PDB file of N, CA and C in Angstrom:
ATOM      1  N   UNK A   1      16.489 -42.319  -8.378  1.00  0.00           N
ATOM      2  CA  UNK A   1      15.775 -41.238  -9.030  1.00  0.00           C
ATOM      3  C   UNK A   1      14.672 -40.722  -8.113  1.00  0.00           C
ATOM      4  N   UNK A   2      14.523 -39.400  -8.031  1.00  0.00           N
ATOM      5  CA  UNK A   2      13.553 -38.791  -7.122  1.00  0.00           C
ATOM      6  C   UNK A   2      12.280 -38.390  -7.864  1.00  0.00           C
ATOM      7  N   UNK A   3      11.482 -39.322  -8.249  1.00  0.00           N
ATOM      8  CA  UNK A   3      10.284 -39.004  -9.027  1.00  0.00           C
ATOM      9  C   UNK A   3       9.133 -38.493  -8.173  1.00  0.00           C
ATOM     10  N   UNK A   4       9.120 -38.800  -6.881  1.00  0.00           N
ATOM     11  CA  UNK A   4       8.035 -38.349  -6.023  1.00  0.00           C
ATOM     12  C   UNK A   4       8.492 -37.281  -5.025  1.00  0.00           C
ATOM     13  N   UNK A   5       9.554 -36.583  -5.329  1.00  0.00           N
ATOM     14  CA  UNK A   5      10.096 -35.555  -4.442  1.00  0.00           C
ATOM     15  C   UNK A   5       9.161 -34.358  -4.381  1.00  0.00           C
ATOM     16  N   UNK A   6       8.825 -33.913  -3.180  1.00  0.00           N
ATOM     17  CA  UNK A   6       8.014 -32.712  -2.981  1.00  0.00           C
ATOM     18  C   UNK A   6       8.782 -31.805  -2.050  1.00  0.00           C
ATOM     19  N   UNK A   7       9.035 -30.606  -2.495  1.00  0.00           N
ATOM     20  CA  UNK A   7       9.771 -29.643  -1.675  1.00  0.00           C
ATOM     21  C   UNK A   7       8.841 -29.097  -0.597  1.00  0.00           C
ATOM     22  N   UNK A   8       9.196 -29.345   0.635  1.00  0.00           N
ATOM     23  CA  UNK A   8       8.357 -28.992   1.779  1.00  0.00           C
ATOM     24  C   UNK A   8       8.190 -27.483   1.974  1.00  0.00           C
ATOM     25  N   UNK A   9       9.199 -26.696   1.626  1.00  0.00           N
ATOM     26  CA  UNK A   9       9.174 -25.271   1.944  1.00  0.00           C
ATOM     27  C   UNK A   9       9.131 -24.333   0.735  1.00  0.00           C
ATOM     28  N   UNK A  10       9.169 -24.855  -0.473  1.00  0.00           N
ATOM     29  CA  UNK A  10       9.149 -23.985  -1.657  1.00  0.00           C
ATOM     30  C   UNK A  10       7.906 -23.105  -1.627  1.00  0.00           C
ATOM     31  N   UNK A  11       8.137 -21.804  -1.840  1.00  0.00           N
ATOM     32  CA  UNK A  11       7.044 -20.831  -1.838  1.00  0.00           C
ATOM     33  C   UNK A  11       6.847 -20.130  -0.510  1.00  0.00           C
ATOM     34  N   UNK A  12       7.456 -20.621   0.564  1.00  0.00           N
ATOM     35  CA  UNK A  12       7.313 -19.969   1.865  1.00  0.00           C
ATOM     36  C   UNK A  12       8.058 -18.635   1.840  1.00  0.00           C
ATOM     37  N   UNK A  13       7.452 -17.611   2.414  1.00  0.00           N
ATOM     38  CA  UNK A  13       8.119 -16.311   2.562  1.00  0.00           C
ATOM     39  C   UNK A  13       8.750 -16.271   3.945  1.00  0.00           C
ATOM     40  N   UNK A  14      10.023 -15.886   3.986  1.00  0.00           N
ATOM     41  CA  UNK A  14      10.719 -15.725   5.266  1.00  0.00           C
ATOM     42  C   UNK A  14      11.170 -14.270   5.373  1.00  0.00           C
ATOM     43  N   UNK A  15      11.227 -13.770   6.592  1.00  0.00           N
ATOM     44  CA  UNK A  15      11.366 -12.341   6.807  1.00  0.00           C
ATOM     45  C   UNK A  15      12.700 -11.950   7.452  1.00  0.00           C
ATOM     46  N   UNK A  16      13.316 -10.934   6.872  1.00  0.00           N
ATOM     47  CA  UNK A  16      14.435 -10.255   7.496  1.00  0.00           C
ATOM     48  C   UNK A  16      15.755 -10.999   7.543  1.00  0.00           C
ATOM     49  N   UNK A  17      16.468 -10.763   8.613  1.00  0.00           N
ATOM     50  CA  UNK A  17      17.856 -11.196   8.800  1.00  0.00           C
ATOM     51  C   UNK A  17      18.011 -12.713   8.949  1.00  0.00           C
ATOM     52  N   UNK A  18      17.003 -13.388   9.444  1.00  0.00           N
ATOM     53  CA  UNK A  18      17.018 -14.855   9.603  1.00  0.00           C
ATOM     54  C   UNK A  18      18.222 -15.345  10.405  1.00  0.00           C
ATOM     55  N   UNK A  19      18.473 -14.662  11.502  1.00  0.00           N
ATOM     56  CA  UNK A  19      19.547 -15.045  12.416  1.00  0.00           C
ATOM     57  C   UNK A  19      20.919 -15.132  11.753  1.00  0.00           C
ATOM     58  N   UNK A  20      21.089 -14.491  10.606  1.00  0.00           N
ATOM     59  CA  UNK A  20      22.374 -14.483   9.925  1.00  0.00           C
ATOM     60  C   UNK A  20      22.687 -15.728   9.115  1.00  0.00           C
ATOM     61  N   UNK A  21      21.753 -16.651   8.999  1.00  0.00           N
ATOM     62  CA  UNK A  21      22.003 -17.895   8.269  1.00  0.00           C
ATOM     63  C   UNK A  21      22.283 -17.660   6.782  1.00  0.00           C
ATOM     64  N   UNK A  22      21.800 -16.561   6.233  1.00  0.00           N
ATOM     65  CA  UNK A  22      22.029 -16.264   4.823  1.00  0.00           C
ATOM     66  C   UNK A  22      23.176 -15.264   4.630  1.00  0.00           C
ATOM     67  N   UNK A  23      23.904 -14.993   5.679  1.00  0.00           N
ATOM     68  CA  UNK A  23      25.030 -14.063   5.617  1.00  0.00           C
ATOM     69  C   UNK A  23      24.754 -12.814   6.441  1.00  0.00           C
ATOM     70  N   UNK A  24      25.804 -12.177   6.845  1.00  0.00           N
ATOM     71  CA  UNK A  24      25.660 -11.034   7.750  1.00  0.00           C
ATOM     72  C   UNK A  24      25.067  -9.799   7.090  1.00  0.00           C
ATOM     73  N   UNK A  25      25.047  -9.745   5.755  1.00  0.00           N
ATOM     74  CA  UNK A  25      24.508  -8.583   5.048  1.00  0.00           C
ATOM     75  C   UNK A  25      23.152  -8.860   4.410  1.00  0.00           C
ATOM     76  N   UNK A  26      22.509  -9.938   4.767  1.00  0.00           N
ATOM     77  CA  UNK A  26      21.231 -10.318   4.150  1.00  0.00           C
ATOM     78  C   UNK A  26      20.070  -9.923   5.059  1.00  0.00           C
ATOM     79  N   UNK A  27      19.486  -8.768   4.777  1.00  0.00           N
ATOM     80  CA  UNK A  27      18.382  -8.265   5.588  1.00  0.00           C
ATOM     81  C   UNK A  27      17.050  -8.293   4.842  1.00  0.00           C
ATOM     82  N   UNK A  28      17.056  -8.586   3.529  1.00  0.00           N
ATOM     83  CA  UNK A  28      15.829  -8.596   2.735  1.00  0.00           C
ATOM     84  C   UNK A  28      14.936  -9.772   3.126  1.00  0.00           C
ATOM     85  N   UNK A  29      13.630  -9.606   2.886  1.00  0.00           N
ATOM     86  CA  UNK A  29      12.730 -10.742   2.956  1.00  0.00           C
ATOM     87  C   UNK A  29      13.062 -11.654   1.783  1.00  0.00           C
ATOM     88  N   UNK A  30      12.757 -12.930   1.922  1.00  0.00           N
ATOM     89  CA  UNK A  30      13.130 -13.914   0.910  1.00  0.00           C
ATOM     90  C   UNK A  30      11.981 -14.889   0.673  1.00  0.00           C
ATOM     91  N   UNK A  31      11.971 -15.525  -0.489  1.00  0.00           N
ATOM     92  CA  UNK A  31      11.034 -16.597  -0.779  1.00  0.00           C
ATOM     93  C   UNK A  31      11.845 -17.861  -1.032  1.00  0.00           C
ATOM     94  N   UNK A  32      11.523 -18.914  -0.305  1.00  0.00           N
ATOM     95  CA  UNK A  32      12.234 -20.178  -0.462  1.00  0.00           C
ATOM     96  C   UNK A  32      11.894 -20.776  -1.825  1.00  0.00           C
ATOM     97  N   UNK A  33      12.931 -21.121  -2.590  1.00  0.00           N
ATOM     98  CA  UNK A  33      12.716 -21.725  -3.907  1.00  0.00           C
ATOM     99  C   UNK A  33      13.108 -23.202  -3.939  1.00  0.00           C
ATOM    100  N   UNK A  34      13.884 -23.656  -2.954  1.00  0.00           N
ATOM    101  CA  UNK A  34      14.264 -25.064  -2.871  1.00  0.00           C
ATOM    102  C   UNK A  34      14.765 -25.363  -1.463  1.00  0.00           C
ATOM    103  N   UNK A  35      14.555 -26.605  -1.046  1.00  0.00           N
ATOM    104  CA  UNK A  35      15.093 -27.019   0.247  1.00  0.00           C
ATOM    105  C   UNK A  35      15.384 -28.507   0.210  1.00  0.00           C
ATOM    106  N   UNK A  36      16.306 -28.892   1.067  1.00  0.00           N
ATOM    107  CA  UNK A  36      16.662 -30.294   1.207  1.00  0.00           C
ATOM    108  C   UNK A  36      16.566 -30.685   2.663  1.00  0.00           C
ATOM    109  N   UNK A  37      17.274 -31.718   3.035  1.00  0.00           N
ATOM    110  CA  UNK A  37      17.211 -32.213   4.403  1.00  0.00           C
ATOM    111  C   UNK A  37      17.720 -31.176   5.416  1.00  0.00           C
ATOM    112  N   UNK A  38      18.783 -30.464   5.049  1.00  0.00           N
ATOM    113  CA  UNK A  38      19.360 -29.491   5.993  1.00  0.00           C
ATOM    114  C   UNK A  38      19.894 -28.249   5.280  1.00  0.00           C
ATOM    115  N   UNK A  39      19.202 -27.825   4.217  1.00  0.00           N
ATOM    116  CA  UNK A  39      19.620 -26.634   3.479  1.00  0.00           C
ATOM    117  C   UNK A  39      18.411 -25.964   2.823  1.00  0.00           C
ATOM    118  N   UNK A  40      18.589 -24.677   2.525  1.00  0.00           N
ATOM    119  CA  UNK A  40      17.546 -23.877   1.867  1.00  0.00           C
ATOM    120  C   UNK A  40      18.203 -22.972   0.836  1.00  0.00           C
ATOM    121  N   UNK A  41      17.551 -22.803  -0.309  1.00  0.00           N
ATOM    122  CA  UNK A  41      17.897 -21.765  -1.272  1.00  0.00           C
ATOM    123  C   UNK A  41      16.686 -20.844  -1.344  1.00  0.00           C
ATOM    124  N   UNK A  42      16.929 -19.556  -1.186  1.00  0.00           N
ATOM    125  CA  UNK A  42      15.844 -18.574  -1.210  1.00  0.00           C
ATOM    126  C   UNK A  42      16.199 -17.447  -2.173  1.00  0.00           C
ATOM    127  N   UNK A  43      15.187 -16.848  -2.763  1.00  0.00           N
ATOM    128  CA  UNK A  43      15.365 -15.714  -3.662  1.00  0.00           C
ATOM    129  C   UNK A  43      15.062 -14.451  -2.865  1.00  0.00           C
ATOM    130  N   UNK A  44      16.018 -13.508  -2.860  1.00  0.00           N
ATOM    131  CA  UNK A  44      15.786 -12.274  -2.115  1.00  0.00           C
ATOM    132  C   UNK A  44      14.983 -11.281  -2.956  1.00  0.00           C
ATOM    133  N   UNK A  45      14.723 -10.119  -2.408  1.00  0.00           N
ATOM    134  CA  UNK A  45      13.897  -9.112  -3.087  1.00  0.00           C
ATOM    135  C   UNK A  45      14.564  -8.547  -4.336  1.00  0.00           C
ATOM    136  N   UNK A  46      15.862  -8.746  -4.493  1.00  0.00           N
ATOM    137  CA  UNK A  46      16.595  -8.309  -5.682  1.00  0.00           C
ATOM    138  C   UNK A  46      16.734  -9.439  -6.709  1.00  0.00           C
ATOM    139  N   UNK A  47      15.960 -10.508  -6.524  1.00  0.00           N
ATOM    140  CA  UNK A  47      15.990 -11.689  -7.399  1.00  0.00           C
ATOM    141  C   UNK A  47      17.349 -12.360  -7.460  1.00  0.00           C
ATOM    142  N   UNK A  48      18.043 -12.382  -6.328  1.00  0.00           N
ATOM    143  CA  UNK A  48      19.324 -13.081  -6.221  1.00  0.00           C
ATOM    144  C   UNK A  48      19.156 -14.257  -5.268  1.00  0.00           C
ATOM    145  N   UNK A  49      19.678 -15.417  -5.633  1.00  0.00           N
ATOM    146  CA  UNK A  49      19.556 -16.575  -4.745  1.00  0.00           C
ATOM    147  C   UNK A  49      20.498 -16.455  -3.547  1.00  0.00           C
ATOM    148  N   UNK A  50      20.032 -16.952  -2.418  1.00  0.00           N
ATOM    149  CA  UNK A  50      20.834 -16.996  -1.197  1.00  0.00           C
ATOM    150  C   UNK A  50      20.705 -18.395  -0.610  1.00  0.00           C
ATOM    151  N   UNK A  51      21.777 -18.871   0.013  1.00  0.00           N
ATOM    152  CA  UNK A  51      21.846 -20.237   0.516  1.00  0.00           C
ATOM    153  C   UNK A  51      22.043 -20.248   2.023  1.00  0.00           C
ATOM    154  N   UNK A  52      21.364 -21.165   2.692  1.00  0.00           N
ATOM    155  CA  UNK A  52      21.573 -21.375   4.127  1.00  0.00           C
ATOM    156  C   UNK A  52      21.673 -22.873   4.382  1.00  0.00           C
ATOM    157  N   UNK A  53      22.590 -23.247   5.278  1.00  0.00           N
ATOM    158  CA  UNK A  53      22.703 -24.651   5.670  1.00  0.00           C
ATOM    159  C   UNK A  53      22.587 -24.748   7.185  1.00  0.00           C
ATOM    160  N   UNK A  54      22.214 -25.933   7.636  1.00  0.00           N
ATOM    161  CA  UNK A  54      21.929 -26.156   9.052  1.00  0.00           C
ATOM    162  C   UNK A  54      22.654 -27.413   9.526  1.00  0.00           C
ATOM    163  N   UNK A  55      22.807 -27.549  10.842  1.00  0.00           N
ATOM    164  CA  UNK A  55      23.458 -28.722  11.406  1.00  0.00           C
ATOM    165  C   UNK A  55      22.567 -29.959  11.374  1.00  0.00           C
ATOM    166  N   UNK A  56      21.236 -29.734  11.324  1.00  0.00           N
ATOM    167  CA  UNK A  56      20.307 -30.868  11.321  1.00  0.00           C
ATOM    168  C   UNK A  56      18.979 -30.455  10.689  1.00  0.00           C
ATOM    169  N   UNK A  57      18.196 -31.446  10.345  1.00  0.00           N
ATOM    170  CA  UNK A  57      16.855 -31.188   9.812  1.00  0.00           C
ATOM    171  C   UNK A  57      15.975 -30.527  10.867  1.00  0.00           C
ATOM    172  N   UNK A  58      16.119 -30.937  12.116  1.00  0.00           N
ATOM    173  CA  UNK A  58      15.329 -30.359  13.201  1.00  0.00           C
ATOM    174  C   UNK A  58      15.621 -28.868  13.364  1.00  0.00           C
ATOM    175  N   UNK A  59      16.904 -28.501  13.267  1.00  0.00           N
ATOM    176  CA  UNK A  59      17.282 -27.084  13.362  1.00  0.00           C
ATOM    177  C   UNK A  59      16.650 -26.296  12.220  1.00  0.00           C
ATOM    178  N   UNK A  60      16.672 -26.836  11.010  1.00  0.00           N
ATOM    179  CA  UNK A  60      16.088 -26.150   9.860  1.00  0.00           C
ATOM    180  C   UNK A  60      14.592 -25.933  10.063  1.00  0.00           C
ATOM    181  N   UNK A  61      13.887 -26.959  10.510  1.00  0.00           N
ATOM    182  CA  UNK A  61      12.443 -26.849  10.734  1.00  0.00           C
ATOM    183  C   UNK A  61      12.144 -25.760  11.763  1.00  0.00           C
ATOM    184  N   UNK A  62      12.884 -25.751  12.860  1.00  0.00           N
ATOM    185  CA  UNK A  62      12.691 -24.752  13.917  1.00  0.00           C
ATOM    186  C   UNK A  62      12.927 -23.337  13.391  1.00  0.00           C
ATOM    187  N   UNK A  63      13.998 -23.151  12.633  1.00  0.00           N
ATOM    188  CA  UNK A  63      14.321 -21.826  12.109  1.00  0.00           C
ATOM    189  C   UNK A  63      13.286 -21.353  11.085  1.00  0.00           C
ATOM    190  N   UNK A  64      12.888 -22.217  10.154  1.00  0.00           N
ATOM    191  CA  UNK A  64      11.904 -21.821   9.141  1.00  0.00           C
ATOM    192  C   UNK A  64      10.594 -21.428   9.812  1.00  0.00           C
ATOM    193  N   UNK A  65      10.167 -22.179  10.810  1.00  0.00           N
ATOM    194  CA  UNK A  65       8.936 -21.835  11.526  1.00  0.00           C
ATOM    195  C   UNK A  65       9.042 -20.445  12.164  1.00  0.00           C
ATOM    196  N   UNK A  66      10.186 -20.134  12.725  1.00  0.00           N
ATOM    197  CA  UNK A  66      10.378 -18.814  13.341  1.00  0.00           C
ATOM    198  C   UNK A  66      10.442 -17.710  12.288  1.00  0.00           C
ATOM    199  N   UNK A  67      11.118 -17.968  11.181  1.00  0.00           N
ATOM    200  CA  UNK A  67      11.322 -16.935  10.162  1.00  0.00           C
ATOM    201  C   UNK A  67      10.071 -16.624   9.349  1.00  0.00           C
ATOM    202  N   UNK A  68       9.104 -17.534   9.316  1.00  0.00           N
ATOM    203  CA  UNK A  68       7.890 -17.275   8.533  1.00  0.00           C
ATOM    204  C   UNK A  68       6.894 -16.401   9.285  1.00  0.00           C
ATOM    205  N   UNK A  69       7.176 -16.085  10.530  1.00  0.00           N
ATOM    206  CA  UNK A  69       6.317 -15.189  11.305  1.00  0.00           C
ATOM    207  C   UNK A  69       6.849 -13.772  11.175  1.00  0.00           C
ATOM    208  N   UNK A  70       6.073 -12.926  10.509  1.00  0.00           N
ATOM    209  CA  UNK A  70       6.493 -11.548  10.322  1.00  0.00           C
ATOM    210  C   UNK A  70       6.390 -10.807  11.649  1.00  0.00           C
ATOM    211  N   UNK A  71       7.461 -10.101  11.989  1.00  0.00           N
ATOM    212  CA  UNK A  71       7.459  -9.342  13.230  1.00  0.00           C
ATOM    213  C   UNK A  71       6.539  -8.142  13.117  1.00  0.00           C
ATOM    214  N   UNK A  72       5.800  -7.863  14.195  1.00  0.00           N
ATOM    215  CA  UNK A  72       4.927  -6.696  14.213  1.00  0.00           C
ATOM    216  C   UNK A  72       5.778  -5.445  14.422  1.00  0.00           C
ATOM    217  N   UNK A  73       5.402  -4.390  13.728  1.00  0.00           N
ATOM    218  CA  UNK A  73       6.135  -3.139  13.890  1.00  0.00           C
ATOM    219  C   UNK A  73       5.742  -2.482  15.200  1.00  0.00           C
ATOM    220  N   UNK A  74       6.693  -1.865  15.850  1.00  0.00           N
ATOM    221  CA  UNK A  74       6.463  -1.263  17.167  1.00  0.00           C
ATOM    222  C   UNK A  74       6.271   0.251  17.049  1.00  0.00           C
ATOM    223  N   UNK A  75       5.205   0.651  16.398  1.00  0.00           N
ATOM    224  CA  UNK A  75       4.916   2.095  16.256  1.00  0.00           C
ATOM    225  C   UNK A  75       3.574   2.420  16.841  1.00  0.00           C
TER     226      UNK A  75
END
């Protein structure tokens, strides 16, 4: 039983395409609602859940860190 489980990434906002991990048509910003050792569920701007899985926990950590940095607009 997981009585002391704390979701490390719940509430994090991630931006844009996210390297295609959420599918080739997923360009909306998302908010992470759940994560595990090597997976994430995020809610997109249309309130639809999207799922991403990774080959390792290290890969997930690296990607989430990159995706939480909003890109500056070039105008």
